[in-house]
Amino acid sequence: MTATADPALAADALRERRFFLSLSLPALFIVGLAAILPILWIIRQSFLTTGGEYTFGNYEKVLSSGLTWSALVTTLELSLATLAICIFLGTPLALALASARPRVANLLMAFVMLPLWTSILVRTYGWLVLLRRDGLINAALTGSGLTAEPLPLVYNFTGTLIGMVHYMLPLFLLPVYAAMRDIDANLIRASSSMGASLGQVIRTVILPLSAGGIFSGSTIVFIYTIGFFITPAVLGGGKVNPLSTRIERTLSTFQDWGSASVLGILLLVVMAMIGGMFLAARRLLTRNGAAHA
């Protein structure tokens, strides 16, 4: 027999939702205005020449340039590599934090979040001090005899990647740790009591139940690193040029707002496409998981 909802309760719930929505409307209006107006201005600017005339020439010039697609490939390589390393390092770390006692987990989490309390510019220049040829890491390697000469750890893809992983790892860890912490410990005990090994428990219980947190963290990392500027500009040393640095150079060197706006639109389109792919993949996995439950 199907229970019928009380009309009075349904009306009260509807009024409550409308009330909370009305409270959020001013914030939604401000955020929406701050997000939409700059995008509309960039779209308009992408069709203007330096003389203020409307043209499609900016799109033809930017999209036909090999430098644009090279910058896009570099952007995707950096984002994918950062995401892969964050997953490889962050997932076991989140599992260790979720398995630890609350006091130990809180202390370790404080150490993990410590980098976020420092400006990204300060952290980036800190890595520059550590990674350069006469930096602390190369001095330790050459002084201990592990390397005969300093390693090229900065002003290249490697140094940029190290700085980006250092910044993004805590942001990836937060949703994964929250998802793993909410897993019912009785499920893990039950699977262990039925003879499952540690690897099987992780593969069949922990990872599927924390898939939502892993997808959320992956989305944050990938979308955020698409637009990274400071770290590639400092640690890349002009040799690593994602779309963000190309936009800055187009403005600072050529004062070409039209071309820079086209690059910005390209970056927004790529971010929207990838974000949509992440959401679609997450919904597909959730639907498949519910179907097999």
Protein backbone atom coordinates (compact mmCIF):
# COMPACT_ATOMS: atom_id res chain seq x y z
CA MET A 1 0.00 0.00 0.00
CA THR A 2 1.45 3.37 -1.02
CA ALA A 3 1.41 6.11 1.56
CA THR A 4 -0.10 9.40 0.44
CA ALA A 5 1.68 12.56 1.50
CA ASP A 6 -0.31 14.93 3.67
CA PRO A 7 -1.21 18.01 1.55
CA ALA A 8 -0.67 20.28 4.55
CA LEU A 9 2.84 18.90 5.14
CA ALA A 10 3.65 19.21 1.43
CA ALA A 11 2.49 22.83 1.45
CA ASP A 12 4.58 23.59 4.52
CA ALA A 13 7.64 22.02 2.88
CA LEU A 14 7.05 24.09 -0.27
CA ARG A 15 6.73 27.30 1.74
CA GLU A 16 9.94 26.45 3.61
CA ARG A 17 11.86 25.89 0.37
CA ARG A 18 10.56 29.17 -1.03
CA PHE A 19 11.54 31.00 2.15
CA PHE A 20 15.14 29.72 2.08
CA LEU A 21 15.34 30.45 -1.65
CA SER A 22 14.22 34.02 -1.01
CA LEU A 23 17.01 34.39 1.58
CA SER A 24 19.60 33.26 -0.96
CA LEU A 25 18.35 35.41 -3.84
CA PRO A 26 20.47 38.51 -3.01
CA ALA A 27 23.65 36.44 -2.86
CA LEU A 28 22.72 34.54 -6.02
CA PHE A 29 22.06 37.83 -7.80
CA ILE A 30 25.42 39.32 -6.79
CA VAL A 31 27.37 36.18 -7.66
CA GLY A 32 25.53 35.75 -10.95
CA LEU A 33 26.07 39.38 -11.89
CA ALA A 34 29.77 39.19 -11.02
CA ALA A 35 30.15 36.04 -13.11
CA ILE A 36 28.01 36.90 -16.13
CA LEU A 37 28.93 40.53 -16.79
CA PRO A 38 32.70 39.92 -17.23
CA ILE A 39 31.97 37.00 -19.56
CA LEU A 40 29.64 39.15 -21.66
CA TRP A 41 32.29 41.88 -21.77
CA ILE A 42 34.95 39.38 -22.90
CA ILE A 43 32.65 38.03 -25.62
CA ARG A 44 32.00 41.56 -26.90
CA GLN A 45 35.70 42.43 -26.73
CA SER A 46 36.63 39.35 -28.77
CA PHE A 47 34.79 40.83 -31.79
CA LEU A 48 36.46 44.26 -31.58
CA THR A 49 39.61 45.49 -33.27
CA THR A 50 42.02 47.87 -31.55
CA GLY A 51 40.11 50.66 -33.30
CA GLY A 52 36.76 49.55 -31.90
CA GLU A 53 35.37 48.00 -35.09
CA TYR A 54 33.53 44.68 -35.09
CA THR A 55 35.31 41.81 -36.82
CA PHE A 56 35.81 38.03 -36.82
CA GLY A 57 39.50 38.54 -37.50
CA ASN A 58 40.49 37.96 -33.88
CA TYR A 59 39.06 34.43 -33.97
CA GLU A 60 40.71 33.68 -37.31
CA LYS A 61 44.09 34.94 -36.11
CA VAL A 62 44.05 33.12 -32.76
CA LEU A 63 42.50 29.82 -33.83
CA SER A 64 44.77 29.50 -36.88
CA SER A 65 47.93 30.01 -34.81
CA GLY A 66 49.96 26.96 -33.86
CA LEU A 67 51.02 28.71 -30.65
CA THR A 68 47.41 28.67 -29.44
CA TRP A 69 47.02 24.91 -29.84
CA SER A 70 50.48 24.30 -28.40
CA ALA A 71 49.46 26.33 -25.32
CA LEU A 72 46.22 24.34 -25.09
CA VAL A 73 48.13 21.04 -25.21
CA THR A 74 50.50 22.28 -22.49
CA THR A 75 47.52 23.34 -20.37
CA LEU A 76 45.88 19.92 -20.67
CA GLU A 77 49.16 18.08 -20.00
CA LEU A 78 49.77 20.09 -16.83
CA SER A 79 46.20 19.57 -15.61
CA LEU A 80 46.16 15.84 -16.35
CA ALA A 81 49.57 15.26 -14.78
CA THR A 82 48.61 17.25 -11.68
CA LEU A 83 45.36 15.31 -11.38
CA ALA A 84 47.08 11.93 -11.78
CA ILE A 85 49.65 12.69 -9.09
CA CYS A 86 47.00 14.09 -6.73
CA ILE A 87 44.94 10.91 -7.12
CA PHE A 88 48.02 8.71 -6.64
CA LEU A 89 49.17 10.57 -3.52
CA GLY A 90 45.91 11.91 -2.11
CA THR A 91 43.76 8.77 -2.13
CA PRO A 92 46.08 6.69 0.13
CA LEU A 93 46.64 9.74 2.34
CA ALA A 94 42.90 10.27 2.71
CA LEU A 95 42.46 6.58 3.56
CA ALA A 96 45.19 6.82 6.23
CA LEU A 97 43.57 9.94 7.72
CA ALA A 98 40.12 8.34 7.71
CA SER A 99 41.51 5.23 9.46
CA ALA A 100 43.38 7.17 12.14
CA ARG A 101 42.01 8.17 15.53
CA PRO A 102 40.17 11.50 15.49
CA ARG A 103 42.87 13.37 17.43
CA VAL A 104 45.67 12.06 15.20
CA ALA A 105 43.60 12.66 12.06
CA ASN A 106 42.90 16.28 13.06
CA LEU A 107 46.59 16.90 13.74
CA LEU A 108 47.66 15.39 10.43
CA MET A 109 44.95 17.32 8.60
CA ALA A 110 46.27 20.54 10.10
CA PHE A 111 49.70 19.78 8.65
CA VAL A 112 48.17 18.92 5.28
CA MET A 113 46.20 22.18 5.19
CA LEU A 114 49.16 24.27 6.36
CA PRO A 115 50.20 25.27 2.80
CA LEU A 116 46.79 26.85 2.21
CA TRP A 117 47.52 29.34 5.00
CA THR A 118 50.34 30.83 2.93
CA SER A 119 50.03 32.97 -0.19
CA ILE A 120 50.42 31.04 -3.43
CA LEU A 121 53.03 33.55 -4.57
CA VAL A 122 55.10 32.97 -1.43
CA ARG A 123 54.84 29.20 -1.84
CA THR A 124 55.82 29.40 -5.50
CA TYR A 125 58.93 31.44 -4.77
CA GLY A 126 59.69 29.03 -1.92
CA TRP A 127 59.79 26.18 -4.45
CA LEU A 128 62.00 28.35 -6.65
CA VAL A 129 64.49 28.60 -3.79
CA LEU A 130 64.36 24.84 -3.24
CA LEU A 131 64.50 23.67 -6.85
CA ARG A 132 66.92 26.00 -8.64
CA ARG A 133 70.41 24.80 -9.59
CA ASP A 134 71.99 26.30 -6.48
CA GLY A 135 68.93 25.55 -4.33
CA LEU A 136 68.65 23.40 -1.24
CA ILE A 137 67.57 20.21 -3.01
CA ASN A 138 70.36 20.25 -5.59
CA ALA A 139 72.86 21.21 -2.90
CA ALA A 140 71.79 18.19 -0.85
CA LEU A 141 71.95 15.86 -3.86
CA THR A 142 75.37 16.97 -5.04
CA GLY A 143 76.74 17.22 -1.50
CA SER A 144 75.70 13.65 -0.70
CA GLY A 145 77.15 12.35 -3.95
CA LEU A 146 73.82 11.13 -5.34
CA THR A 147 74.25 13.34 -8.42
CA ALA A 148 77.41 14.59 -10.08
CA GLU A 149 75.86 17.88 -11.13
CA PRO A 150 72.69 19.85 -10.31
CA LEU A 151 69.46 18.51 -11.78
CA PRO A 152 67.19 20.73 -13.93
CA LEU A 153 64.29 20.91 -11.48
CA VAL A 154 63.00 24.39 -12.26
CA TYR A 155 62.18 26.55 -15.27
CA ASN A 156 60.68 23.49 -16.95
CA PHE A 157 57.62 21.22 -16.92
CA THR A 158 58.86 19.28 -13.88
CA GLY A 159 59.23 22.29 -11.63
CA THR A 160 55.87 23.68 -12.70
CA LEU A 161 54.23 20.33 -12.00
CA ILE A 162 55.77 20.12 -8.51
CA GLY A 163 54.44 23.54 -7.59
CA MET A 164 50.96 22.79 -8.93
CA VAL A 165 50.71 19.45 -7.10
CA HIS A 166 51.83 21.11 -3.86
CA TYR A 167 49.01 23.61 -4.15
CA MET A 168 46.25 21.27 -5.35
CA LEU A 169 46.85 18.20 -3.18
CA PRO A 170 45.08 19.61 -0.07
CA LEU A 171 42.11 20.69 -2.19
CA PHE A 172 41.85 17.17 -3.62
CA LEU A 173 42.25 15.60 -0.21
CA LEU A 174 39.36 17.40 1.50
CA PRO A 175 36.38 15.84 -0.38
CA VAL A 176 38.06 12.42 -0.55
CA TYR A 177 38.75 12.41 3.18
CA ALA A 178 35.18 13.52 3.93
CA ALA A 179 33.78 10.70 1.76
CA MET A 180 36.00 8.04 3.33
CA ARG A 181 35.31 9.23 6.86
CA ASP A 182 31.57 8.78 6.29
CA ILE A 183 31.92 5.12 5.30
CA ASP A 184 30.28 2.84 7.86
CA ALA A 185 33.03 0.91 9.65
CA ASN A 186 30.67 -2.06 10.01
CA LEU A 187 30.83 -2.59 6.24
CA ILE A 188 34.61 -2.89 6.40
CA ARG A 189 34.44 -5.25 9.38
CA ALA A 190 31.81 -7.38 7.64
CA SER A 191 33.87 -7.71 4.46
CA SER A 192 36.96 -8.59 6.50
CA SER A 193 35.06 -11.19 8.52
CA MET A 194 33.93 -12.84 5.28
CA GLY A 195 37.53 -13.41 4.23
CA ALA A 196 38.25 -10.36 2.08
CA SER A 197 41.87 -9.21 2.05
CA LEU A 198 42.88 -5.61 2.64
CA GLY A 199 43.26 -5.04 -1.09
CA GLN A 200 39.82 -6.51 -1.77
CA VAL A 201 38.24 -4.36 0.94
CA ILE A 202 39.79 -1.24 -0.56
CA ARG A 203 38.84 -2.20 -4.11
CA THR A 204 35.28 -3.43 -3.51
CA VAL A 205 34.12 -1.40 -0.51
CA ILE A 206 36.16 1.73 0.19
CA LEU A 207 36.85 3.02 -3.33
CA PRO A 208 33.27 2.53 -4.65
CA LEU A 209 31.77 4.24 -1.59
CA SER A 210 34.25 7.14 -1.82
CA ALA A 211 33.93 7.52 -5.61
CA GLY A 212 31.82 10.66 -5.19
CA GLY A 213 34.54 12.36 -3.14
CA ILE A 214 37.23 11.29 -5.60
CA PHE A 215 35.22 12.68 -8.52
CA SER A 216 34.60 15.95 -6.66
CA GLY A 217 38.27 16.32 -5.82
CA SER A 218 39.28 15.45 -9.38
CA THR A 219 36.88 18.05 -10.77
CA ILE A 220 38.26 20.73 -8.45
CA VAL A 221 41.86 19.91 -9.36
CA PHE A 222 41.37 19.67 -13.12
CA ILE A 223 39.16 22.74 -13.55
CA TYR A 224 41.29 24.83 -11.20
CA THR A 225 44.60 23.94 -12.86
CA ILE A 226 43.22 24.77 -16.32
CA GLY A 227 43.53 28.45 -15.43
CA PHE A 228 46.72 28.36 -13.33
CA PHE A 229 48.94 31.39 -13.94
CA ILE A 230 51.36 32.24 -11.11
CA THR A 231 53.00 28.83 -10.77
CA PRO A 232 53.68 28.28 -14.51
CA ALA A 233 54.85 31.88 -14.87
CA VAL A 234 57.37 31.63 -12.01
CA LEU A 235 58.49 28.00 -12.04
CA GLY A 236 58.13 27.62 -15.81
CA GLY A 237 60.51 30.48 -16.45
CA GLY A 238 58.96 31.30 -19.81
CA LYS A 239 59.50 27.75 -21.11
CA VAL A 240 56.12 26.40 -19.99
CA ASN A 241 53.35 28.37 -21.65
CA PRO A 242 49.75 27.32 -20.91
CA LEU A 243 46.84 29.40 -22.12
CA SER A 244 46.87 31.58 -19.01
CA THR A 245 50.41 32.85 -19.63
CA ARG A 246 49.66 33.31 -23.33
CA ILE A 247 46.70 35.53 -22.41
CA GLU A 248 48.91 37.61 -20.11
CA ARG A 249 51.63 38.04 -22.73
CA THR A 250 49.11 38.96 -25.41
CA LEU A 251 47.92 41.78 -23.17
CA SER A 252 51.21 42.95 -21.67
CA THR A 253 53.29 42.76 -24.86
CA PHE A 254 50.86 43.55 -27.67
CA GLN A 255 47.95 45.21 -25.81
CA ASP A 256 45.69 43.09 -28.00
CA TRP A 257 42.47 42.82 -26.02
CA GLY A 258 40.60 41.15 -28.87
CA SER A 259 43.00 38.22 -29.21
CA ALA A 260 43.33 37.88 -25.43
CA SER A 261 39.53 37.75 -25.15
CA VAL A 262 39.38 34.98 -27.76
CA LEU A 263 41.94 33.01 -25.76
CA GLY A 264 39.86 33.59 -22.64
CA ILE A 265 36.73 32.30 -24.39
CA LEU A 266 38.67 29.24 -25.59
CA LEU A 267 39.73 28.60 -22.01
CA LEU A 268 36.13 28.94 -20.78
CA VAL A 269 34.86 26.54 -23.47
CA VAL A 270 37.50 23.95 -22.57
CA MET A 271 36.65 24.26 -18.87
CA ALA A 272 32.93 23.90 -19.59
CA MET A 273 33.45 20.85 -21.79
CA ILE A 274 35.69 19.10 -19.28
CA GLY A 275 33.40 19.98 -16.37
CA GLY A 276 30.47 18.53 -18.31
CA MET A 277 32.44 15.35 -19.00
CA PHE A 278 33.24 14.96 -15.30
CA LEU A 279 29.59 15.45 -14.33
CA ALA A 280 28.38 13.01 -16.99
CA ALA A 281 30.89 10.38 -15.89
CA ARG A 282 29.90 10.81 -12.26
CA ARG A 283 26.18 10.44 -13.04
CA LEU A 284 26.87 7.37 -15.17
CA LEU A 285 28.86 5.70 -12.40
CA THR A 286 26.20 6.62 -9.82
CA ARG A 287 23.46 5.19 -12.03
CA ASN A 288 25.39 1.99 -12.65
CA GLY A 289 26.15 1.64 -8.97
CA ALA A 290 22.47 2.06 -8.07
CA ALA A 291 21.48 -0.48 -10.71
CA HIS A 292 23.86 -3.08 -9.31
CA ALA A 293 23.00 -2.35 -5.67
